Amino acid sequence: MKRDFIVPTGFEKFIYVSQLVQAHGMKIAIESHRIAKPHCMGTLFWQFNDCWPVTSWSAIDFYNRPKAFYYALENLYDDVLVSVRKNRIHYEIYIVNDKLKSIEGTLTLNVCDFSGKKFETSEMTIRIPANSSELYYSFPVIEDKDRKHENTYLRYSFVSSDSAINKKALYYFTSPKNLNLQIPKLNLVYYSQTNQLKIKSNTLVKSLFLSANGVRFNKNYFDLEAGEEIEVKLSSP
């Protein structure tokens, strides 16, 4: 936690950040194993749930409450995974396709600041072979004085030609503790007919956590970009 995050004071905040550490570490491991295909053909993770109250690596706690890692699993184990790797000289964009058919679509990269301003964009049409893991794009590791790593991030997305697959994720050029995040102005609107929230922010929000007694959310601990509107379904009003 001390290496990558700001270690908080207070028990509840410590629990929150500890879940971010778990999700962050498991993301690195699972994506690395999947990218290594065919040398490694996947990962079984420990563990799914707890059988008693305990501090552990489970995805769901004893009280049946999903942790941050649980919400990350849907993307980590999706049939199509887009991932960024960094080596000494390059950032590399890999795509894993576990489907038994090839996919054609568009890979888009945007370097943005936390207010949503785009500095540069790359877009390319690609074909992803069936049952494959391949490198599709790389760019050099260069420190730009006008685009400091603590103020910018990479948005990467892949959309298939038929729009059936739409994958988007964010990559940060430095550890979460170094990010120069601003205090957001959040706009939350609840729709009772559909029992869902629509959430919007004026700046990037990192690892947004929603909490309400007795209510589960279909997504949580997510990043919200400036100007982006995200819909979250609730299990009960």
Protein backbone atom coordinates (compact mmCIF):
# COMPACT_ATOMS: atom_id res chain seq x y z
CA MET A 1 0.00 0.00 0.00
CA LYS A 2 2.76 2.44 0.94
CA ARG A 3 4.52 1.82 -2.38
CA ASP A 4 1.55 2.64 -4.65
CA PHE A 5 -1.12 4.43 -2.59
CA ILE A 6 -1.48 7.10 0.07
CA VAL A 7 -1.81 5.18 3.34
CA PRO A 8 -4.89 6.67 5.05
CA THR A 9 -5.64 7.28 8.71
CA GLY A 10 -8.86 5.82 10.03
CA PHE A 11 -10.02 2.21 9.91
CA GLU A 12 -12.77 2.51 7.27
CA LYS A 13 -10.52 4.43 4.88
CA PHE A 14 -7.78 1.85 5.40
CA ILE A 15 -10.22 -0.94 4.46
CA TYR A 16 -11.20 0.99 1.29
CA VAL A 17 -7.61 1.50 0.16
CA SER A 18 -6.67 -2.10 1.02
CA GLN A 19 -9.33 -3.26 -1.43
CA LEU A 20 -7.85 -1.01 -4.13
CA VAL A 21 -4.44 -2.58 -3.46
CA GLN A 22 -5.92 -6.07 -3.87
CA ALA A 23 -7.74 -5.21 -7.10
CA HIS A 24 -4.65 -3.47 -8.48
CA GLY A 25 -2.37 -6.41 -7.74
CA MET A 26 -4.76 -9.05 -9.05
CA LYS A 27 -5.29 -7.02 -12.24
CA ILE A 28 -1.54 -7.00 -12.88
CA ALA A 29 -1.30 -10.76 -12.30
CA ILE A 30 -4.35 -11.91 -14.26
CA GLU A 31 -3.65 -9.66 -17.27
CA SER A 32 0.00 -10.77 -17.32
CA HIS A 33 -1.00 -14.43 -17.31
CA ARG A 34 -3.54 -13.95 -20.10
CA ILE A 35 -1.16 -11.93 -22.26
CA ALA A 36 1.41 -14.74 -21.95
CA LYS A 37 -0.85 -17.01 -24.02
CA PRO A 38 -0.07 -19.70 -25.24
CA HIS A 39 2.71 -20.18 -22.66
CA CYS A 40 0.14 -19.58 -19.92
CA MET A 41 -3.50 -20.25 -20.76
CA GLY A 42 -5.15 -18.50 -17.83
CA THR A 43 -5.45 -18.13 -14.08
CA LEU A 44 -7.56 -19.55 -11.28
CA PHE A 45 -7.57 -17.00 -8.48
CA TRP A 46 -7.64 -17.47 -4.73
CA GLN A 47 -10.21 -16.84 -3.38
CA PHE A 48 -13.88 -16.21 -4.22
CA ASN A 49 -15.54 -15.89 -0.79
CA ASP A 50 -15.00 -16.24 2.96
CA CYS A 51 -16.56 -18.85 5.24
CA TRP A 52 -15.98 -16.74 8.39
CA PRO A 53 -15.23 -13.07 9.20
CA VAL A 54 -11.56 -12.62 8.34
CA THR A 55 -9.04 -10.41 6.58
CA SER A 56 -8.27 -12.31 3.37
CA TRP A 57 -7.81 -12.21 -0.42
CA SER A 58 -11.44 -13.10 -1.11
CA ALA A 59 -13.50 -11.30 -3.75
CA ILE A 60 -16.65 -11.40 -1.54
CA ASP A 61 -16.52 -11.08 2.25
CA PHE A 62 -18.28 -13.17 4.89
CA TYR A 63 -21.29 -10.81 4.84
CA ASN A 64 -21.69 -11.33 1.08
CA ARG A 65 -20.41 -7.83 0.26
CA PRO A 66 -18.48 -7.60 -3.02
CA LYS A 67 -14.99 -6.13 -2.78
CA ALA A 68 -13.24 -3.94 -5.35
CA PHE A 69 -11.60 -7.03 -6.85
CA TYR A 70 -15.03 -8.61 -7.45
CA TYR A 71 -16.10 -5.67 -9.63
CA ALA A 72 -12.83 -5.84 -11.58
CA LEU A 73 -13.32 -9.54 -12.41
CA GLU A 74 -15.93 -8.99 -15.13
CA ASN A 75 -13.42 -7.16 -17.30
CA LEU A 76 -10.37 -9.21 -16.29
CA TYR A 77 -12.00 -12.46 -17.44
CA ASP A 78 -13.93 -11.16 -20.44
CA ASP A 79 -13.38 -13.02 -23.71
CA VAL A 80 -11.68 -9.93 -25.17
CA LEU A 81 -9.09 -8.15 -23.02
CA VAL A 82 -7.19 -4.97 -23.89
CA SER A 83 -4.17 -4.31 -21.69
CA VAL A 84 -1.24 -1.90 -21.44
CA ARG A 85 2.24 -3.12 -20.50
CA LYS A 86 5.24 -0.92 -19.77
CA ASN A 87 8.85 -1.94 -20.29
CA ARG A 88 11.99 0.20 -20.03
CA ILE A 89 11.46 2.04 -23.33
CA HIS A 90 7.87 1.47 -24.51
CA TYR A 91 4.22 1.32 -23.54
CA GLU A 92 2.67 -1.65 -25.34
CA ILE A 93 -0.99 -2.33 -26.18
CA TYR A 94 -1.94 -6.02 -26.15
CA ILE A 95 -5.28 -7.58 -27.05
CA VAL A 96 -6.28 -11.07 -25.97
CA ASN A 97 -9.05 -12.78 -27.92
CA ASP A 98 -10.34 -16.00 -26.33
CA LYS A 99 -13.16 -16.29 -28.84
CA LEU A 100 -12.84 -19.02 -31.46
CA LYS A 101 -13.39 -16.53 -34.28
CA SER A 102 -11.46 -13.54 -35.51
CA ILE A 103 -12.65 -10.00 -34.76
CA GLU A 104 -12.25 -6.81 -36.78
CA GLY A 105 -12.61 -3.35 -35.28
CA THR A 106 -11.04 -0.06 -34.29
CA LEU A 107 -8.40 0.50 -31.61
CA THR A 108 -8.37 4.09 -30.31
CA LEU A 109 -5.86 5.72 -27.96
CA ASN A 110 -6.25 9.15 -26.31
CA VAL A 111 -3.85 10.91 -23.94
CA CYS A 112 -5.99 13.18 -21.73
CA ASP A 113 -5.68 15.39 -18.68
CA PHE A 114 -8.03 15.10 -15.73
CA SER A 115 -10.33 17.84 -17.05
CA GLY A 116 -10.93 15.76 -20.21
CA LYS A 117 -8.68 17.71 -22.58
CA LYS A 118 -7.16 15.48 -25.28
CA PHE A 119 -3.50 15.98 -26.16
CA GLU A 120 -3.14 13.35 -28.84
CA THR A 121 -5.17 10.61 -30.53
CA SER A 122 -4.24 7.47 -32.43
CA GLU A 123 -6.77 5.31 -34.24
CA MET A 124 -6.26 2.18 -36.28
CA THR A 125 -8.34 -0.59 -37.83
CA ILE A 126 -7.13 -4.02 -36.75
CA ARG A 127 -7.99 -7.69 -37.16
CA ILE A 128 -7.62 -9.90 -34.09
CA PRO A 129 -7.12 -13.61 -34.87
CA ALA A 130 -9.17 -16.21 -33.04
CA ASN A 131 -7.74 -17.61 -29.79
CA SER A 132 -4.78 -15.20 -29.74
CA SER A 133 -2.75 -12.74 -27.69
CA GLU A 134 -0.78 -10.18 -29.69
CA LEU A 135 0.92 -6.80 -29.47
CA TYR A 136 -0.88 -4.23 -31.65
CA TYR A 137 0.68 -0.88 -30.86
CA SER A 138 3.57 0.64 -28.89
CA PHE A 139 4.84 4.14 -28.21
CA PRO A 140 8.00 5.39 -26.46
CA VAL A 141 8.26 6.30 -22.79
CA ILE A 142 8.94 10.04 -22.99
CA GLU A 143 8.46 12.57 -20.21
CA ASP A 144 6.72 15.68 -21.57
CA LYS A 145 7.02 18.79 -19.37
CA ASP A 146 3.61 20.02 -20.54
CA ARG A 147 1.97 16.65 -19.93
CA LYS A 148 3.28 15.45 -16.62
CA HIS A 149 2.42 11.91 -15.66
CA GLU A 150 0.67 12.96 -12.47
CA ASN A 151 -1.80 15.05 -14.51
CA THR A 152 -2.52 12.79 -17.49
CA TYR A 153 -3.72 9.31 -18.36
CA LEU A 154 -4.22 7.07 -21.39
CA ARG A 155 -7.74 6.10 -22.49
CA TYR A 156 -7.71 3.03 -24.72
CA SER A 157 -10.66 1.35 -26.35
CA PHE A 158 -11.55 -1.32 -28.89
CA VAL A 159 -14.88 -1.39 -30.71
CA SER A 160 -15.69 -4.25 -33.07
CA SER A 161 -17.06 -3.53 -36.54
CA ASP A 162 -20.51 -4.78 -35.53
CA SER A 163 -20.36 -2.85 -32.20
CA ALA A 164 -21.02 -6.09 -30.30
CA ILE A 165 -17.72 -5.63 -28.45
CA ASN A 166 -16.98 -2.27 -26.84
CA LYS A 167 -14.03 -2.28 -24.44
CA LYS A 168 -12.70 0.85 -22.75
CA ALA A 169 -10.19 1.27 -19.95
CA LEU A 170 -7.81 3.82 -18.46
CA TYR A 171 -4.07 3.52 -17.88
CA TYR A 172 -2.14 5.79 -15.52
CA PHE A 173 1.48 6.66 -16.17
CA THR A 174 2.35 6.76 -12.46
CA SER A 175 1.22 5.23 -9.16
CA PRO A 176 -2.16 6.32 -7.75
CA LYS A 177 -0.44 8.09 -4.83
CA ASN A 178 1.29 10.46 -7.28
CA LEU A 179 -1.81 11.49 -9.23
CA ASN A 180 -2.76 15.15 -8.91
CA LEU A 181 -6.49 14.47 -8.52
CA GLN A 182 -8.89 17.37 -8.02
CA ILE A 183 -11.92 17.49 -5.71
CA PRO A 184 -14.85 16.65 -8.02
CA LYS A 185 -18.30 18.14 -8.32
CA LEU A 186 -20.51 15.08 -8.66
CA ASN A 187 -24.00 15.12 -10.12
CA LEU A 188 -26.12 12.12 -9.07
CA VAL A 189 -29.65 11.57 -10.38
CA TYR A 190 -31.80 8.67 -9.17
CA TYR A 191 -34.51 7.19 -11.45
CA SER A 192 -37.09 5.31 -9.40
CA GLN A 193 -38.78 3.74 -12.47
CA THR A 194 -35.61 1.89 -13.46
CA ASN A 195 -33.97 1.90 -10.00
CA GLN A 196 -30.70 3.29 -11.25
CA LEU A 197 -28.30 6.15 -10.68
CA LYS A 198 -26.76 8.36 -13.34
CA ILE A 199 -23.47 9.85 -12.19
CA LYS A 200 -21.46 12.64 -13.82
CA SER A 201 -18.37 14.60 -12.76
CA ASN A 202 -16.53 17.75 -13.84
CA THR A 203 -13.13 16.07 -13.38
CA LEU A 204 -11.62 12.60 -13.27
CA VAL A 205 -12.69 10.54 -10.25
CA LYS A 206 -10.45 7.61 -9.35
CA SER A 207 -11.92 4.45 -7.79
CA LEU A 208 -15.35 5.90 -7.00
CA PHE A 209 -16.97 3.90 -4.20
CA LEU A 210 -20.76 3.83 -3.75
CA SER A 211 -22.29 2.74 -0.47
CA ALA A 212 -25.85 2.47 0.90
CA ASN A 213 -27.20 0.18 3.60
CA GLY A 214 -28.62 -3.01 2.14
CA VAL A 215 -28.07 -1.90 -1.48
CA ARG A 216 -25.82 -3.61 -4.05
CA PHE A 217 -24.59 -1.96 -7.22
CA ASN A 218 -23.87 -3.61 -10.59
CA LYS A 219 -20.62 -1.62 -10.77
CA ASN A 220 -18.48 0.00 -8.10
CA TYR A 221 -14.93 1.22 -7.39
CA PHE A 222 -14.83 2.56 -10.95
CA ASP A 223 -13.04 5.48 -12.60
CA LEU A 224 -15.25 8.27 -13.92
CA GLU A 225 -13.88 10.63 -16.58
CA ALA A 226 -14.68 14.33 -16.77
CA GLY A 227 -17.99 14.84 -18.57
CA GLU A 228 -18.69 11.11 -18.73
CA GLU A 229 -22.08 9.84 -17.52
CA ILE A 230 -22.22 6.37 -16.01
CA GLU A 231 -25.39 4.42 -15.24
CA VAL A 232 -25.40 2.20 -12.15
CA LYS A 233 -28.18 -0.27 -11.41
CA LEU A 234 -29.25 -0.82 -7.79
CA SER A 235 -30.44 -4.09 -6.26
CA SER A 236 -33.10 -2.24 -4.21
CA PRO A 237 -34.33 1.35 -3.94
